[in-house]
N, C-alpha and C. Protein backbone atom coordinates (compact mmCIF):
# COMPACT_ATOMS: atom_id res chain seq x y z
N MET A 1 -19.27 10.99 8.70
CA MET A 1 -18.67 11.46 7.47
C MET A 1 -17.41 10.63 7.20
N ALA A 2 -17.27 10.18 5.97
CA ALA A 2 -16.13 9.35 5.60
C ALA A 2 -14.86 10.19 5.52
N GLU A 3 -13.74 9.55 5.83
CA GLU A 3 -12.45 10.23 5.76
C GLU A 3 -11.91 10.18 4.34
N TYR A 4 -11.12 11.18 4.00
CA TYR A 4 -10.52 11.22 2.67
C TYR A 4 -9.40 10.19 2.56
N THR A 5 -9.26 9.64 1.36
CA THR A 5 -8.12 8.79 1.05
C THR A 5 -6.90 9.69 0.84
N SER A 6 -5.74 9.09 0.65
CA SER A 6 -4.56 9.93 0.39
C SER A 6 -4.73 10.69 -0.93
N PHE A 7 -5.39 10.07 -1.91
CA PHE A 7 -5.69 10.78 -3.15
C PHE A 7 -6.63 11.95 -2.87
N GLY A 8 -7.67 11.72 -2.07
CA GLY A 8 -8.61 12.77 -1.73
C GLY A 8 -7.95 13.93 -1.01
N LEU A 9 -7.05 13.61 -0.10
CA LEU A 9 -6.31 14.67 0.61
C LEU A 9 -5.42 15.46 -0.35
N ALA A 10 -4.79 14.76 -1.29
CA ALA A 10 -3.94 15.44 -2.27
C ALA A 10 -4.77 16.39 -3.13
N VAL A 11 -5.96 15.94 -3.54
CA VAL A 11 -6.85 16.78 -4.35
C VAL A 11 -7.29 18.00 -3.55
N LYS A 12 -7.76 17.80 -2.33
CA LYS A 12 -8.24 18.91 -1.52
C LYS A 12 -7.11 19.91 -1.24
N THR A 13 -5.91 19.42 -0.97
CA THR A 13 -4.77 20.29 -0.73
C THR A 13 -4.46 21.12 -1.97
N LYS A 14 -4.49 20.47 -3.13
CA LYS A 14 -4.21 21.17 -4.38
C LYS A 14 -5.27 22.23 -4.66
N LEU A 15 -6.53 21.93 -4.34
CA LEU A 15 -7.61 22.90 -4.57
C LEU A 15 -7.47 24.14 -3.68
N LEU A 16 -6.88 23.96 -2.50
CA LEU A 16 -6.72 25.09 -1.59
C LEU A 16 -5.72 26.12 -2.10
N GLY A 17 -4.91 25.70 -3.07
CA GLY A 17 -4.12 26.68 -3.78
C GLY A 17 -2.71 26.85 -3.31
N PRO A 18 -2.08 27.91 -3.74
CA PRO A 18 -2.64 28.88 -4.66
C PRO A 18 -2.62 28.40 -6.11
N PRO A 19 -3.45 28.81 -6.99
CA PRO A 19 -4.63 29.64 -6.72
C PRO A 19 -5.73 28.79 -6.07
N SER A 20 -6.49 29.38 -5.21
CA SER A 20 -7.57 28.69 -4.51
C SER A 20 -8.71 28.40 -5.48
N ARG A 21 -9.15 27.15 -5.48
CA ARG A 21 -10.24 26.72 -6.36
C ARG A 21 -11.23 25.91 -5.54
N THR A 22 -12.45 25.80 -6.05
CA THR A 22 -13.48 25.07 -5.32
C THR A 22 -13.70 23.69 -5.95
N GLN A 23 -14.39 22.86 -5.20
CA GLN A 23 -14.75 21.54 -5.73
C GLN A 23 -15.71 21.70 -6.90
N ALA A 24 -16.56 22.73 -6.88
CA ALA A 24 -17.47 23.01 -7.99
C ALA A 24 -16.68 23.31 -9.27
N TRP A 25 -15.59 24.05 -9.13
CA TRP A 25 -14.71 24.32 -10.27
C TRP A 25 -14.17 23.00 -10.82
N LEU A 26 -13.75 22.10 -9.92
CA LEU A 26 -13.22 20.81 -10.34
C LEU A 26 -14.28 19.99 -11.07
N VAL A 27 -15.50 20.02 -10.58
CA VAL A 27 -16.61 19.31 -11.24
C VAL A 27 -16.74 19.79 -12.68
N ASP A 28 -16.76 21.11 -12.88
CA ASP A 28 -16.88 21.67 -14.23
C ASP A 28 -15.71 21.24 -15.12
N GLU A 29 -14.50 21.26 -14.57
CA GLU A 29 -13.32 20.87 -15.34
C GLU A 29 -13.36 19.39 -15.72
N VAL A 30 -13.79 18.54 -14.81
CA VAL A 30 -13.88 17.10 -15.09
C VAL A 30 -14.93 16.85 -16.16
N ARG A 31 -16.07 17.52 -16.06
CA ARG A 31 -17.11 17.38 -17.08
C ARG A 31 -16.58 17.77 -18.46
N ALA A 32 -15.87 18.89 -18.52
CA ALA A 32 -15.33 19.37 -19.79
C ALA A 32 -14.27 18.41 -20.34
N ALA A 33 -13.44 17.86 -19.46
CA ALA A 33 -12.34 17.00 -19.89
C ALA A 33 -12.81 15.61 -20.32
N THR A 34 -13.87 15.11 -19.68
CA THR A 34 -14.27 13.72 -19.93
C THR A 34 -15.55 13.59 -20.75
N GLY A 35 -16.39 14.60 -20.72
CA GLY A 35 -17.69 14.50 -21.35
C GLY A 35 -18.67 13.69 -20.52
N LEU A 36 -18.25 13.30 -19.32
CA LEU A 36 -19.10 12.51 -18.43
C LEU A 36 -19.82 13.43 -17.46
N TYR A 37 -21.00 13.00 -17.01
CA TYR A 37 -21.70 13.77 -15.99
C TYR A 37 -21.16 13.40 -14.62
N VAL A 38 -20.67 14.38 -13.91
CA VAL A 38 -20.27 14.21 -12.52
C VAL A 38 -20.84 15.38 -11.74
N ASP A 39 -21.03 15.18 -10.44
CA ASP A 39 -21.47 16.28 -9.59
C ASP A 39 -20.63 16.25 -8.32
N GLY A 40 -20.86 17.19 -7.46
CA GLY A 40 -20.07 17.32 -6.24
C GLY A 40 -20.14 16.08 -5.36
N ALA A 41 -21.32 15.47 -5.28
CA ALA A 41 -21.49 14.28 -4.45
C ALA A 41 -20.65 13.12 -5.00
N TYR A 42 -20.63 12.97 -6.32
CA TYR A 42 -19.87 11.89 -6.93
C TYR A 42 -18.37 12.10 -6.71
N ILE A 43 -17.92 13.35 -6.88
CA ILE A 43 -16.50 13.66 -6.63
C ILE A 43 -16.16 13.36 -5.18
N SER A 44 -17.03 13.74 -4.25
CA SER A 44 -16.79 13.46 -2.83
C SER A 44 -16.65 11.97 -2.57
N LYS A 45 -17.48 11.16 -3.22
CA LYS A 45 -17.40 9.70 -3.05
C LYS A 45 -16.09 9.15 -3.59
N ILE A 46 -15.59 9.73 -4.66
CA ILE A 46 -14.29 9.32 -5.19
C ILE A 46 -13.18 9.70 -4.21
N LEU A 47 -13.26 10.90 -3.66
CA LEU A 47 -12.22 11.40 -2.75
C LEU A 47 -12.20 10.66 -1.41
N THR A 48 -13.32 10.04 -1.05
CA THR A 48 -13.39 9.28 0.21
C THR A 48 -13.27 7.78 -0.02
N GLY A 49 -13.07 7.36 -1.27
CA GLY A 49 -12.89 5.95 -1.56
C GLY A 49 -14.16 5.14 -1.64
N GLN A 50 -15.32 5.79 -1.65
CA GLN A 50 -16.59 5.07 -1.74
C GLN A 50 -16.90 4.66 -3.16
N ARG A 51 -16.27 5.31 -4.13
CA ARG A 51 -16.45 4.99 -5.55
C ARG A 51 -15.09 4.87 -6.21
N ASN A 52 -15.03 4.00 -7.21
CA ASN A 52 -13.82 3.82 -7.99
C ASN A 52 -14.16 4.20 -9.43
N ALA A 53 -13.58 5.26 -9.92
CA ALA A 53 -13.86 5.76 -11.27
C ALA A 53 -12.54 6.15 -11.93
N PRO A 54 -11.85 5.17 -12.54
CA PRO A 54 -10.52 5.43 -13.10
C PRO A 54 -10.46 6.58 -14.10
N LYS A 55 -11.46 6.73 -14.96
CA LYS A 55 -11.43 7.82 -15.95
C LYS A 55 -11.50 9.18 -15.27
N ILE A 56 -12.33 9.28 -14.24
CA ILE A 56 -12.48 10.54 -13.54
C ILE A 56 -11.24 10.83 -12.71
N VAL A 57 -10.70 9.81 -12.05
CA VAL A 57 -9.47 9.99 -11.27
C VAL A 57 -8.34 10.47 -12.18
N GLN A 58 -8.23 9.86 -13.35
CA GLN A 58 -7.18 10.27 -14.28
C GLN A 58 -7.38 11.71 -14.73
N ALA A 59 -8.63 12.08 -15.00
CA ALA A 59 -8.91 13.47 -15.40
C ALA A 59 -8.55 14.44 -14.28
N ILE A 60 -8.87 14.09 -13.04
CA ILE A 60 -8.53 14.95 -11.91
C ILE A 60 -7.01 15.10 -11.80
N ARG A 61 -6.30 13.99 -11.96
CA ARG A 61 -4.83 14.04 -11.91
C ARG A 61 -4.27 15.00 -12.97
N GLU A 62 -4.82 14.91 -14.18
CA GLU A 62 -4.34 15.77 -15.26
C GLU A 62 -4.71 17.23 -15.02
N ILE A 63 -5.93 17.48 -14.58
CA ILE A 63 -6.39 18.85 -14.34
C ILE A 63 -5.56 19.53 -13.25
N LEU A 64 -5.29 18.79 -12.18
CA LEU A 64 -4.57 19.36 -11.03
C LEU A 64 -3.08 19.10 -11.07
N ASN A 65 -2.62 18.42 -12.13
CA ASN A 65 -1.20 18.10 -12.28
C ASN A 65 -0.68 17.32 -11.06
N LEU A 66 -1.43 16.29 -10.69
CA LEU A 66 -1.03 15.42 -9.58
C LEU A 66 -0.27 14.22 -10.12
N PRO A 67 0.79 13.81 -9.46
CA PRO A 67 1.55 12.64 -9.93
C PRO A 67 0.77 11.35 -9.77
N GLU A 68 1.14 10.37 -10.55
CA GLU A 68 0.54 9.03 -10.43
C GLU A 68 0.95 8.44 -9.10
N GLN A 69 0.05 7.70 -8.51
CA GLN A 69 0.37 6.98 -7.26
C GLN A 69 -0.57 5.79 -7.20
N GLU A 70 -0.28 4.88 -6.32
CA GLU A 70 -1.14 3.73 -6.14
C GLU A 70 -2.47 4.19 -5.58
N GLN A 71 -3.55 3.57 -6.06
CA GLN A 71 -4.87 3.88 -5.55
C GLN A 71 -5.02 3.35 -4.13
N ASP A 72 -5.72 4.09 -3.32
CA ASP A 72 -6.05 3.62 -1.98
C ASP A 72 -7.10 2.53 -2.11
N SER A 73 -7.06 1.56 -1.26
CA SER A 73 -8.11 0.57 -1.28
C SER A 73 -9.29 1.10 -0.49
N ALA A 74 -10.46 0.84 -0.99
CA ALA A 74 -11.67 1.38 -0.35
C ALA A 74 -12.13 0.47 0.77
């Protein structure tokens, strides 16, 4: 299993709350915000650095109110 990037860890920490939210909730929010199809597997690949998806990363930052930071290199 791949390890989370620092961005992935920040996302997972934020999801743990409070309020506690699931990755499935995040998938729904990203779909609504971007109009793009994403699923749990795709989000996991972004959080572990296996995929680079700037639009989705930006949407996640906005949804979870995460500050901008340098992207981890995959």
